[in-house]
mmCIF file of all heavy atoms, coordinates in Angstrom:
data_MODEL
# 
_entry.id   MODEL 
# 
loop_
_atom_site.group_PDB 
_atom_site.id 
_atom_site.type_symbol 
_atom_site.label_atom_id 
_atom_site.label_alt_id 
_atom_site.label_comp_id 
_atom_site.label_asym_id 
_atom_site.label_entity_id 
_atom_site.label_seq_id 
_atom_site.pdbx_PDB_ins_code 
_atom_site.Cartn_x 
_atom_site.Cartn_y 
_atom_site.Cartn_z 
_atom_site.occupancy 
_atom_site.B_iso_or_equiv 
_atom_site.pdbx_formal_charge 
_atom_site.auth_seq_id 
_atom_site.auth_comp_id 
_atom_site.auth_asym_id 
_atom_site.auth_atom_id 
_atom_site.pdbx_PDB_model_num 
ATOM 1   N N   . ASP A 1 1  ? 0.869  -1.175  0.000   1.00 0.00 ? 1  ASP A N   1 
ATOM 2   C CA  . ASP A 1 1  ? 0.000  0.000   0.000   1.00 0.00 ? 1  ASP A CA  1 
ATOM 3   C C   . ASP A 1 1  ? 0.904  1.223   0.000   1.00 0.00 ? 1  ASP A C   1 
ATOM 4   O O   . ASP A 1 1  ? 1.382  1.662   1.046   1.00 0.00 ? 1  ASP A O   1 
ATOM 5   C CB  . ASP A 1 1  ? -0.892 -0.020  1.248   1.00 0.00 ? 1  ASP A CB  1 
ATOM 6   C CG  . ASP A 1 1  ? -1.711 1.255   1.390   1.00 0.00 ? 1  ASP A CG  1 
ATOM 7   O OD1 . ASP A 1 1  ? -1.826 1.997   0.390   1.00 0.00 ? 1  ASP A OD1 1 
ATOM 8   O OD2 . ASP A 1 1  ? -2.220 1.505   2.506   1.00 0.00 ? 1  ASP A OD2 1 
ATOM 9   N N   . SER A 1 2  ? 1.135  1.774   -1.157  1.00 0.00 ? 2  SER A N   1 
ATOM 10  C CA  . SER A 1 2  ? 2.030  2.931   -1.269  1.00 0.00 ? 2  SER A CA  1 
ATOM 11  C C   . SER A 1 2  ? 1.306  4.244   -1.009  1.00 0.00 ? 2  SER A C   1 
ATOM 12  O O   . SER A 1 2  ? 1.944  5.292   -0.881  1.00 0.00 ? 2  SER A O   1 
ATOM 13  C CB  . SER A 1 2  ? 2.671  2.970   -2.659  1.00 0.00 ? 2  SER A CB  1 
ATOM 14  O OG  . SER A 1 2  ? 1.682  3.119   -3.661  1.00 0.00 ? 2  SER A OG  1 
ATOM 15  N N   . THR A 1 3  ? -0.019 4.197   -0.916  1.00 0.00 ? 3  THR A N   1 
ATOM 16  C CA  . THR A 1 3  ? -0.800 5.422   -0.730  1.00 0.00 ? 3  THR A CA  1 
ATOM 17  C C   . THR A 1 3  ? -1.243 5.622   0.713   1.00 0.00 ? 3  THR A C   1 
ATOM 18  O O   . THR A 1 3  ? -1.814 6.664   1.050   1.00 0.00 ? 3  THR A O   1 
ATOM 19  C CB  . THR A 1 3  ? -2.055 5.393   -1.620  1.00 0.00 ? 3  THR A CB  1 
ATOM 20  O OG1 . THR A 1 3  ? -2.877 4.273   -1.227  1.00 0.00 ? 3  THR A OG1 1 
ATOM 21  C CG2 . THR A 1 3  ? -1.673 5.241   -3.085  1.00 0.00 ? 3  THR A CG2 1 
ATOM 22  N N   . ARG A 1 4  ? -0.995 4.616   1.567   1.00 0.00 ? 4  ARG A N   1 
ATOM 23  C CA  . ARG A 1 4  ? -1.345 4.672   2.980   1.00 0.00 ? 4  ARG A CA  1 
ATOM 24  C C   . ARG A 1 4  ? -2.847 4.825   3.195   1.00 0.00 ? 4  ARG A C   1 
ATOM 25  O O   . ARG A 1 4  ? -3.311 5.477   4.118   1.00 0.00 ? 4  ARG A O   1 
ATOM 26  C CB  . ARG A 1 4  ? -0.625 5.835   3.671   1.00 0.00 ? 4  ARG A CB  1 
ATOM 27  C CG  . ARG A 1 4  ? 0.873  5.849   3.498   1.00 0.00 ? 4  ARG A CG  1 
ATOM 28  C CD  . ARG A 1 4  ? 1.526  4.728   4.260   1.00 0.00 ? 4  ARG A CD  1 
ATOM 29  N NE  . ARG A 1 4  ? 1.394  4.913   5.707   1.00 0.00 ? 4  ARG A NE  1 
ATOM 30  C CZ  . ARG A 1 4  ? 1.663  3.966   6.613   1.00 0.00 ? 4  ARG A CZ  1 
ATOM 31  N NH1 . ARG A 1 4  ? 2.025  2.765   6.217   1.00 0.00 ? 4  ARG A NH1 1 
ATOM 32  N NH2 . ARG A 1 4  ? 1.541  4.216   7.893   1.00 0.00 ? 4  ARG A NH2 1 
ATOM 33  N N   . ARG A 1 5  ? -3.643 4.161   2.324   1.00 0.00 ? 5  ARG A N   1 
ATOM 34  C CA  . ARG A 1 5  ? -5.100 4.233   2.484   1.00 0.00 ? 5  ARG A CA  1 
ATOM 35  C C   . ARG A 1 5  ? -5.679 2.935   3.054   1.00 0.00 ? 5  ARG A C   1 
ATOM 36  O O   . ARG A 1 5  ? -6.885 2.820   3.252   1.00 0.00 ? 5  ARG A O   1 
ATOM 37  C CB  . ARG A 1 5  ? -5.758 4.528   1.139   1.00 0.00 ? 5  ARG A CB  1 
ATOM 38  C CG  . ARG A 1 5  ? -5.561 3.443   0.097   1.00 0.00 ? 5  ARG A CG  1 
ATOM 39  C CD  . ARG A 1 5  ? -6.093 3.860   -1.247  1.00 0.00 ? 5  ARG A CD  1 
ATOM 40  N NE  . ARG A 1 5  ? -5.633 2.969   -2.298  1.00 0.00 ? 5  ARG A NE  1 
ATOM 41  C CZ  . ARG A 1 5  ? -5.675 3.267   -3.590  1.00 0.00 ? 5  ARG A CZ  1 
ATOM 42  N NH1 . ARG A 1 5  ? -6.162 4.426   -3.972  1.00 0.00 ? 5  ARG A NH1 1 
ATOM 43  N NH2 . ARG A 1 5  ? -5.236 2.420   -4.490  1.00 0.00 ? 5  ARG A NH2 1 
ATOM 44  N N   . GLY A 1 6  ? -4.824 1.942   3.287   1.00 0.00 ? 6  GLY A N   1 
ATOM 45  C CA  . GLY A 1 6  ? -5.282 0.710   3.915   1.00 0.00 ? 6  GLY A CA  1 
ATOM 46  C C   . GLY A 1 6  ? -5.537 -0.442  2.980   1.00 0.00 ? 6  GLY A C   1 
ATOM 47  O O   . GLY A 1 6  ? -5.874 -1.542  3.426   1.00 0.00 ? 6  GLY A O   1 
ATOM 48  N N   . THR A 1 7  ? -5.383 -0.218  1.677   1.00 0.00 ? 7  THR A N   1 
ATOM 49  C CA  . THR A 1 7  ? -5.564 -1.291  0.696   1.00 0.00 ? 7  THR A CA  1 
ATOM 50  C C   . THR A 1 7  ? -4.357 -1.317  -0.244  1.00 0.00 ? 7  THR A C   1 
ATOM 51  O O   . THR A 1 7  ? -3.792 -0.270  -0.572  1.00 0.00 ? 7  THR A O   1 
ATOM 52  C CB  . THR A 1 7  ? -6.845 -1.095  -0.138  1.00 0.00 ? 7  THR A CB  1 
ATOM 53  O OG1 . THR A 1 7  ? -6.791 0.190   -0.773  1.00 0.00 ? 7  THR A OG1 1 
ATOM 54  C CG2 . THR A 1 7  ? -8.082 -1.171  0.752   1.00 0.00 ? 7  THR A CG2 1 
ATOM 55  N N   . PRO A 1 8  ? -3.952 -2.508  -0.697  1.00 0.00 ? 8  PRO A N   1 
ATOM 56  C CA  . PRO A 1 8  ? -2.766 -2.601  -1.572  1.00 0.00 ? 8  PRO A CA  1 
ATOM 57  C C   . PRO A 1 8  ? -3.039 -2.055  -2.968  1.00 0.00 ? 8  PRO A C   1 
ATOM 58  O O   . PRO A 1 8  ? -4.149 -2.162  -3.497  1.00 0.00 ? 8  PRO A O   1 
ATOM 59  C CB  . PRO A 1 8  ? -2.489 -4.103  -1.619  1.00 0.00 ? 8  PRO A CB  1 
ATOM 60  C CG  . PRO A 1 8  ? -3.809 -4.739  -1.361  1.00 0.00 ? 8  PRO A CG  1 
ATOM 61  C CD  . PRO A 1 8  ? -4.520 -3.840  -0.392  1.00 0.00 ? 8  PRO A CD  1 
ATOM 62  N N   . ASP A 1 9  ? -2.016 -1.455  -3.557  1.00 0.00 ? 9  ASP A N   1 
ATOM 63  C CA  . ASP A 1 9  ? -2.142 -0.943  -4.928  1.00 0.00 ? 9  ASP A CA  1 
ATOM 64  C C   . ASP A 1 9  ? -1.078 -1.526  -5.855  1.00 0.00 ? 9  ASP A C   1 
ATOM 65  O O   . ASP A 1 9  ? -1.065 -1.239  -7.038  1.00 0.00 ? 9  ASP A O   1 
ATOM 66  C CB  . ASP A 1 9  ? -2.035 0.589   -4.930  1.00 0.00 ? 9  ASP A CB  1 
ATOM 67  C CG  . ASP A 1 9  ? -0.772 1.087   -4.246  1.00 0.00 ? 9  ASP A CG  1 
ATOM 68  O OD1 . ASP A 1 9  ? 0.303  1.025   -4.855  1.00 0.00 ? 9  ASP A OD1 1 
ATOM 69  O OD2 . ASP A 1 9  ? -0.872 1.521   -3.085  1.00 0.00 ? 9  ASP A OD2 1 
ATOM 70  N N   . ARG A 1 10 ? -0.198 -2.372  -5.303  1.00 0.00 ? 10 ARG A N   1 
ATOM 71  C CA  . ARG A 1 10 ? 0.849  -3.003  -6.107  1.00 0.00 ? 10 ARG A CA  1 
ATOM 72  C C   . ARG A 1 10 ? 1.100  -4.400  -5.551  1.00 0.00 ? 10 ARG A C   1 
ATOM 73  O O   . ARG A 1 10 ? 1.123  -4.597  -4.339  1.00 0.00 ? 10 ARG A O   1 
ATOM 74  C CB  . ARG A 1 10 ? 2.132  -2.171  -6.056  1.00 0.00 ? 10 ARG A CB  1 
ATOM 75  C CG  . ARG A 1 10 ? 3.259  -2.671  -6.956  1.00 0.00 ? 10 ARG A CG  1 
ATOM 76  C CD  . ARG A 1 10 ? 4.352  -1.611  -7.027  1.00 0.00 ? 10 ARG A CD  1 
ATOM 77  N NE  . ARG A 1 10 ? 5.492  -2.042  -7.830  1.00 0.00 ? 10 ARG A NE  1 
ATOM 78  C CZ  . ARG A 1 10 ? 6.605  -2.568  -7.316  1.00 0.00 ? 10 ARG A CZ  1 
ATOM 79  N NH1 . ARG A 1 10 ? 6.730  -2.715  -5.997  1.00 0.00 ? 10 ARG A NH1 1 
ATOM 80  N NH2 . ARG A 1 10 ? 7.594  -2.937  -8.093  1.00 0.00 ? 10 ARG A NH2 1 
ATOM 81  N N   . ARG A 1 11 ? 1.282  -5.360  -6.447  1.00 0.00 ? 11 ARG A N   1 
ATOM 82  C CA  . ARG A 1 11 ? 1.477  -6.741  -6.002  1.00 0.00 ? 11 ARG A CA  1 
ATOM 83  C C   . ARG A 1 11 ? 2.522  -7.448  -6.847  1.00 0.00 ? 11 ARG A C   1 
ATOM 84  O O   . ARG A 1 11 ? 2.552  -7.301  -8.072  1.00 0.00 ? 11 ARG A O   1 
ATOM 85  C CB  . ARG A 1 11 ? 0.153  -7.515  -6.075  1.00 0.00 ? 11 ARG A CB  1 
ATOM 86  C CG  . ARG A 1 11 ? 0.240  -8.949  -5.561  1.00 0.00 ? 11 ARG A CG  1 
ATOM 87  C CD  . ARG A 1 11 ? -1.135 -9.583  -5.497  1.00 0.00 ? 11 ARG A CD  1 
ATOM 88  N NE  . ARG A 1 11 ? -1.718 -9.763  -6.804  1.00 0.00 ? 11 ARG A NE  1 
ATOM 89  C CZ  . ARG A 1 11 ? -2.961 -10.167 -7.027  1.00 0.00 ? 11 ARG A CZ  1 
ATOM 90  N NH1 . ARG A 1 11 ? -3.767 -10.402 -5.997  1.00 0.00 ? 11 ARG A NH1 1 
ATOM 91  N NH2 . ARG A 1 11 ? -3.418 -10.317 -8.252  1.00 0.00 ? 11 ARG A NH2 1 
ATOM 92  N N   . LEU A 1 12 ? 3.385  -8.197  -6.171  1.00 0.00 ? 12 LEU A N   1 
ATOM 93  C CA  . LEU A 1 12 ? 4.378  -9.024  -6.834  1.00 0.00 ? 12 LEU A CA  1 
ATOM 94  C C   . LEU A 1 12 ? 3.997  -10.479 -6.622  1.00 0.00 ? 12 LEU A C   1 
ATOM 95  O O   . LEU A 1 12 ? 3.733  -10.901 -5.499  1.00 0.00 ? 12 LEU A O   1 
ATOM 96  C CB  . LEU A 1 12 ? 5.769  -8.775  -6.250  1.00 0.00 ? 12 LEU A CB  1 
ATOM 97  C CG  . LEU A 1 12 ? 6.261  -7.323  -6.204  1.00 0.00 ? 12 LEU A CG  1 
ATOM 98  C CD1 . LEU A 1 12 ? 7.654  -7.277  -5.579  1.00 0.00 ? 12 LEU A CD1 1 
ATOM 99  C CD2 . LEU A 1 12 ? 6.282  -6.724  -7.603  1.00 0.00 ? 12 LEU A CD2 1 
ATOM 100 N N   . THR A 1 13 ? 3.974  -11.250 -7.720  1.00 0.00 ? 13 THR A N   1 
ATOM 101 C CA  . THR A 1 13 ? 3.674  -12.676 -7.645  1.00 0.00 ? 13 THR A CA  1 
ATOM 102 C C   . THR A 1 13 ? 4.878  -13.457 -8.131  1.00 0.00 ? 13 THR A C   1 
ATOM 103 O O   . THR A 1 13 ? 5.382  -13.212 -9.238  1.00 0.00 ? 13 THR A O   1 
ATOM 104 C CB  . THR A 1 13 ? 2.445  -13.035 -8.507  1.00 0.00 ? 13 THR A CB  1 
ATOM 105 O OG1 . THR A 1 13 ? 1.305  -12.302 -8.035  1.00 0.00 ? 13 THR A OG1 1 
ATOM 106 C CG2 . THR A 1 13 ? 2.151  -14.535 -8.425  1.00 0.00 ? 13 THR A CG2 1 
ATOM 107 N N   . TYR A 1 14 ? 5.369  -14.365 -7.314  1.00 0.00 ? 14 TYR A N   1 
ATOM 108 C CA  . TYR A 1 14 ? 6.554  -15.149 -7.636  1.00 0.00 ? 14 TYR A CA  1 
ATOM 109 C C   . TYR A 1 14 ? 6.124  -16.445 -8.324  1.00 0.00 ? 14 TYR A C   1 
ATOM 110 O O   . TYR A 1 14 ? 5.433  -17.283 -7.727  1.00 0.00 ? 14 TYR A O   1 
ATOM 111 C CB  . TYR A 1 14 ? 7.354  -15.424 -6.367  1.00 0.00 ? 14 TYR A CB  1 
ATOM 112 C CG  . TYR A 1 14 ? 7.832  -14.148 -5.713  1.00 0.00 ? 14 TYR A CG  1 
ATOM 113 C CD1 . TYR A 1 14 ? 7.039  -13.489 -4.762  1.00 0.00 ? 14 TYR A CD1 1 
ATOM 114 C CD2 . TYR A 1 14 ? 9.050  -13.585 -6.072  1.00 0.00 ? 14 TYR A CD2 1 
ATOM 115 C CE1 . TYR A 1 14 ? 7.471  -12.296 -4.190  1.00 0.00 ? 14 TYR A CE1 1 
ATOM 116 C CE2 . TYR A 1 14 ? 9.486  -12.387 -5.498  1.00 0.00 ? 14 TYR A CE2 1 
ATOM 117 C CZ  . TYR A 1 14 ? 8.693  -11.760 -4.565  1.00 0.00 ? 14 TYR A CZ  1 
ATOM 118 O OH  . TYR A 1 14 ? 9.110  -10.575 -3.995  1.00 0.00 ? 14 TYR A OH  1 
ATOM 119 N N   . LEU A 1 15 ? 6.522  -16.609 -9.572  1.00 0.00 ? 15 LEU A N   1 
ATOM 120 C CA  . LEU A 1 15 ? 6.093  -17.738 -10.385 1.00 0.00 ? 15 LEU A CA  1 
ATOM 121 C C   . LEU A 1 15 ? 7.051  -18.915 -10.272 1.00 0.00 ? 15 LEU A C   1 
ATOM 122 O O   . LEU A 1 15 ? 8.194  -18.777 -9.817  1.00 0.00 ? 15 LEU A O   1 
ATOM 123 C CB  . LEU A 1 15 ? 5.969  -17.291 -11.845 1.00 0.00 ? 15 LEU A CB  1 
ATOM 124 C CG  . LEU A 1 15 ? 5.047  -16.063 -12.065 1.00 0.00 ? 15 LEU A CG  1 
ATOM 125 C CD1 . LEU A 1 15 ? 5.047  -15.659 -13.525 1.00 0.00 ? 15 LEU A CD1 1 
ATOM 126 C CD2 . LEU A 1 15 ? 3.639  -16.369 -11.576 1.00 0.00 ? 15 LEU A CD2 1 
ATOM 127 N N   . ALA A 1 16 ? 6.562  -20.082 -10.698 1.00 0.00 ? 16 ALA A N   1 
ATOM 128 C CA  . ALA A 1 16 ? 7.333  -21.321 -10.563 1.00 0.00 ? 16 ALA A CA  1 
ATOM 129 C C   . ALA A 1 16 ? 8.631  -21.294 -11.356 1.00 0.00 ? 16 ALA A C   1 
ATOM 130 O O   . ALA A 1 16 ? 9.604  -21.967 -10.990 1.00 0.00 ? 16 ALA A O   1 
ATOM 131 C CB  . ALA A 1 16 ? 6.477  -22.505 -10.994 1.00 0.00 ? 16 ALA A CB  1 
ATOM 132 N N   . ASP A 1 17 ? 8.673  -20.525 -12.447 1.00 0.00 ? 17 ASP A N   1 
ATOM 133 C CA  . ASP A 1 17 ? 9.882  -20.486 -13.272 1.00 0.00 ? 17 ASP A CA  1 
ATOM 134 C C   . ASP A 1 17 ? 10.922 -19.502 -12.740 1.00 0.00 ? 17 ASP A C   1 
ATOM 135 O O   . ASP A 1 17 ? 11.961 -19.273 -13.371 1.00 0.00 ? 17 ASP A O   1 
ATOM 136 C CB  . ASP A 1 17 ? 9.530  -20.150 -14.718 1.00 0.00 ? 17 ASP A CB  1 
ATOM 137 C CG  . ASP A 1 17 ? 8.867  -18.776 -14.866 1.00 0.00 ? 17 ASP A CG  1 
ATOM 138 O OD1 . ASP A 1 17 ? 8.740  -18.057 -13.843 1.00 0.00 ? 17 ASP A OD1 1 
ATOM 139 O OD2 . ASP A 1 17 ? 8.470  -18.420 -15.988 1.00 0.00 ? 17 ASP A OD2 1 
ATOM 140 N N   . GLY A 1 18 ? 10.630 -18.892 -11.604 1.00 0.00 ? 18 GLY A N   1 
ATOM 141 C CA  . GLY A 1 18 ? 11.582 -17.964 -11.005 1.00 0.00 ? 18 GLY A CA  1 
ATOM 142 C C   . GLY A 1 18 ? 11.342 -16.507 -11.373 1.00 0.00 ? 18 GLY A C   1 
ATOM 143 O O   . GLY A 1 18 ? 11.996 -15.615 -10.820 1.00 0.00 ? 18 GLY A O   1 
ATOM 144 N N   . SER A 1 19 ? 10.417 -16.272 -12.289 1.00 0.00 ? 19 SER A N   1 
ATOM 145 C CA  . SER A 1 19 ? 10.122 -14.895 -12.674 1.00 0.00 ? 19 SER A CA  1 
ATOM 146 C C   . SER A 1 19 ? 9.125  -14.265 -11.700 1.00 0.00 ? 19 SER A C   1 
ATOM 147 O O   . SER A 1 19 ? 8.519  -14.953 -10.876 1.00 0.00 ? 19 SER A O   1 
ATOM 148 C CB  . SER A 1 19 ? 9.552  -14.857 -14.100 1.00 0.00 ? 19 SER A CB  1 
ATOM 149 O OG  . SER A 1 19 ? 8.334  -15.592 -14.167 1.00 0.00 ? 19 SER A OG  1 
ATOM 150 N N   . VAL A 1 20 ? 8.967  -12.955 -11.831 1.00 0.00 ? 20 VAL A N   1 
ATOM 151 C CA  . VAL A 1 20 ? 8.070  -12.219 -10.950 1.00 0.00 ? 20 VAL A CA  1 
ATOM 152 C C   . VAL A 1 20 ? 7.069  -11.436 -11.798 1.00 0.00 ? 20 VAL A C   1 
ATOM 153 O O   . VAL A 1 20 ? 7.460  -10.714 -12.723 1.00 0.00 ? 20 VAL A O   1 
ATOM 154 C CB  . VAL A 1 20 ? 8.842  -11.240 -10.047 1.00 0.00 ? 20 VAL A CB  1 
ATOM 155 C CG1 . VAL A 1 20 ? 7.880  -10.469 -9.149  1.00 0.00 ? 20 VAL A CG1 1 
ATOM 156 C CG2 . VAL A 1 20 ? 9.863  -11.985 -9.200  1.00 0.00 ? 20 VAL A CG2 1 
ATOM 157 N N   . ARG A 1 21 ? 5.782  -11.602 -11.493 1.00 0.00 ? 21 ARG A N   1 
ATOM 158 C CA  . ARG A 1 21 ? 4.751  -10.854 -12.195 1.00 0.00 ? 21 ARG A CA  1 
ATOM 159 C C   . ARG A 1 21 ? 4.373  -9.639  -11.355 1.00 0.00 ? 21 ARG A C   1 
ATOM 160 O O   . ARG A 1 21 ? 4.083  -9.756  -10.165 1.00 0.00 ? 21 ARG A O   1 
ATOM 161 C CB  . ARG A 1 21 ? 3.516  -11.718 -12.431 1.00 0.00 ? 21 ARG A CB  1 
ATOM 162 C CG  . ARG A 1 21 ? 2.413  -10.995 -13.232 1.00 0.00 ? 21 ARG A CG  1 
ATOM 163 C CD  . ARG A 1 21 ? 1.278  -11.918 -13.598 1.00 0.00 ? 21 ARG A CD  1 
ATOM 164 N NE  . ARG A 1 21 ? 0.545  -12.374 -12.431 1.00 0.00 ? 21 ARG A NE  1 
ATOM 165 C CZ  . ARG A 1 21 ? 0.340  -13.647 -12.131 1.00 0.00 ? 21 ARG A CZ  1 
ATOM 166 N NH1 . ARG A 1 21 ? 0.851  -14.611 -12.881 1.00 0.00 ? 21 ARG A NH1 1 
ATOM 167 N NH2 . ARG A 1 21 ? -0.355 -13.988 -11.052 1.00 0.00 ? 21 ARG A NH2 1 
ATOM 168 N N   . VAL A 1 22 ? 4.400  -8.460  -11.977 1.00 0.00 ? 22 VAL A N   1 
ATOM 169 C CA  . VAL A 1 22 ? 4.079  -7.214  -11.284 1.00 0.00 ? 22 VAL A CA  1 
ATOM 170 C C   . VAL A 1 22 ? 2.685  -6.771  -11.701 1.00 0.00 ? 22 VAL A C   1 
ATOM 171 O O   . VAL A 1 22 ? 2.374  -6.655  -12.893 1.00 0.00 ? 22 VAL A O   1 
ATOM 172 C CB  . VAL A 1 22 ? 5.099  -6.103  -11.614 1.00 0.00 ? 22 VAL A CB  1 
ATOM 173 C CG1 . VAL A 1 22 ? 4.754  -4.831  -10.852 1.00 0.00 ? 22 VAL A CG1 1 
ATOM 174 C CG2 . VAL A 1 22 ? 6.513  -6.569  -11.285 1.00 0.00 ? 22 VAL A CG2 1 
ATOM 175 N N   . GLU A 1 23 ? 1.830  -6.523  -10.724 1.00 0.00 ? 23 GLU A N   1 
ATOM 176 C CA  . GLU A 1 23 ? 0.459  -6.093  -11.000 1.00 0.00 ? 23 GLU A CA  1 
ATOM 177 C C   . GLU A 1 23 ? 0.145  -4.841  -10.189 1.00 0.00 ? 23 GLU A C   1 
ATOM 178 O O   . GLU A 1 23 ? 0.748  -4.608  -9.131  1.00 0.00 ? 23 GLU A O   1 
ATOM 179 C CB  . GLU A 1 23 ? -0.524 -7.203  -10.623 1.00 0.00 ? 23 GLU A CB  1 
ATOM 180 C CG  . GLU A 1 23 ? -0.311 -8.498  -11.396 1.00 0.00 ? 23 GLU A CG  1 
ATOM 181 C CD  . GLU A 1 23 ? -1.142 -9.634  -10.831 1.00 0.00 ? 23 GLU A CD  1 
ATOM 182 O OE1 . GLU A 1 23 ? -0.941 -9.972  -9.649  1.00 0.00 ? 23 GLU A OE1 1 
ATOM 183 O OE2 . GLU A 1 23 ? -1.987 -10.153 -11.572 1.00 0.00 ? 23 GLU A OE2 1 
ATOM 184 N N   . VAL A 1 24 ? -0.794 -4.056  -10.697 1.00 0.00 ? 24 VAL A N   1 
ATOM 185 C CA  . VAL A 1 24 ? -1.171 -2.817  -10.016 1.00 0.00 ? 24 VAL A CA  1 
ATOM 186 C C   . VAL A 1 24 ? -2.687 -2.720  -9.884  1.00 0.00 ? 24 VAL A C   1 
ATOM 187 O O   . VAL A 1 24 ? -3.436 -3.327  -10.652 1.00 0.00 ? 24 VAL A O   1 
ATOM 188 C CB  . VAL A 1 24 ? -0.636 -1.575  -10.773 1.00 0.00 ? 24 VAL A CB  1 
ATOM 189 C CG1 . VAL A 1 24 ? 0.879  -1.547  -10.749 1.00 0.00 ? 24 VAL A CG1 1 
ATOM 190 C CG2 . VAL A 1 24 ? -1.161 -1.561  -12.204 1.00 0.00 ? 24 VAL A CG2 1 
ATOM 191 N N   . ASP A 1 25 ? -3.097 -1.967  -8.901  1.00 0.00 ? 25 ASP A N   1 
ATOM 192 C CA  . ASP A 1 25 ? -4.513 -1.688  -8.653  1.00 0.00 ? 25 ASP A CA  1 
ATOM 193 C C   . ASP A 1 25 ? -4.603 -0.266  -8.111  1.00 0.00 ? 25 ASP A C   1 
ATOM 194 O O   . ASP A 1 25 ? -4.783 -0.051  -6.912  1.00 0.00 ? 25 ASP A O   1 
ATOM 195 C CB  . ASP A 1 25 ? -5.085 -2.699  -7.652  1.00 0.00 ? 25 ASP A CB  1 
ATOM 196 C CG  . ASP A 1 25 ? -6.539 -2.416  -7.303  1.00 0.00 ? 25 ASP A CG  1 
ATOM 197 O OD1 . ASP A 1 25 ? -7.196 -1.667  -8.054  1.00 0.00 ? 25 ASP A OD1 1 
ATOM 198 O OD2 . ASP A 1 25 ? -6.991 -2.925  -6.260  1.00 0.00 ? 25 ASP A OD2 1 
ATOM 199 N N   . PRO A 1 26 ? -4.437 0.748   -8.963  1.00 0.00 ? 26 PRO A N   1 
ATOM 200 C CA  . PRO A 1 26 ? -4.380 2.147   -8.507  1.00 0.00 ? 26 PRO A CA  1 
ATOM 201 C C   . PRO A 1 26 ? -5.579 2.578   -7.678  1.00 0.00 ? 26 PRO A C   1 
ATOM 202 O O   . PRO A 1 26 ? -5.454 3.400   -6.769  1.00 0.00 ? 26 PRO A O   1 
ATOM 203 C CB  . PRO A 1 26 ? -4.301 2.937   -9.820  1.00 0.00 ? 26 PRO A CB  1 
ATOM 204 C CG  . PRO A 1 26 ? -3.739 1.962   -10.803 1.00 0.00 ? 26 PRO A CG  1 
ATOM 205 C CD  . PRO A 1 26 ? -4.319 0.642   -10.427 1.00 0.00 ? 26 PRO A CD  1 
ATOM 206 N N   . ALA A 1 27 ? -6.751 2.018   -7.971  1.00 0.00 ? 27 ALA A N   1 
ATOM 207 C CA  . ALA A 1 27 ? -7.968 2.430   -7.276  1.00 0.00 ? 27 ALA A CA  1 
ATOM 208 C C   . ALA A 1 27 ? -8.163 1.690   -5.955  1.00 0.00 ? 27 ALA A C   1 
ATOM 209 O O   . ALA A 1 27 ? -9.053 2.030   -5.169  1.00 0.00 ? 27 ALA A O   1 
ATOM 210 C CB  . ALA A 1 27 ? -9.184 2.219   -8.176  1.00 0.00 ? 27 ALA A CB  1 
ATOM 211 N N   . GLY A 1 28 ? -7.360 0.666   -5.709  1.00 0.00 ? 28 GLY A N   1 
ATOM 212 C CA  . GLY A 1 28 ? -7.496 -0.088  -4.470  1.00 0.00 ? 28 GLY A CA  1 
ATOM 213 C C   . GLY A 1 28 ? -8.765 -0.897  -4.388  1.00 0.00 ? 28 GLY A C   1 
ATOM 214 O O   . GLY A 1 28 ? -9.346 -1.082  -3.317  1.00 0.00 ? 28 GLY A O   1 
# 
């Protein structure tokens, strides 16, 4: 939660192949 509003707006998902998927949710 980079906006300090209590809900996440960015997420990292670690995949089985070792890569990382970056996702965003600006509206929370």
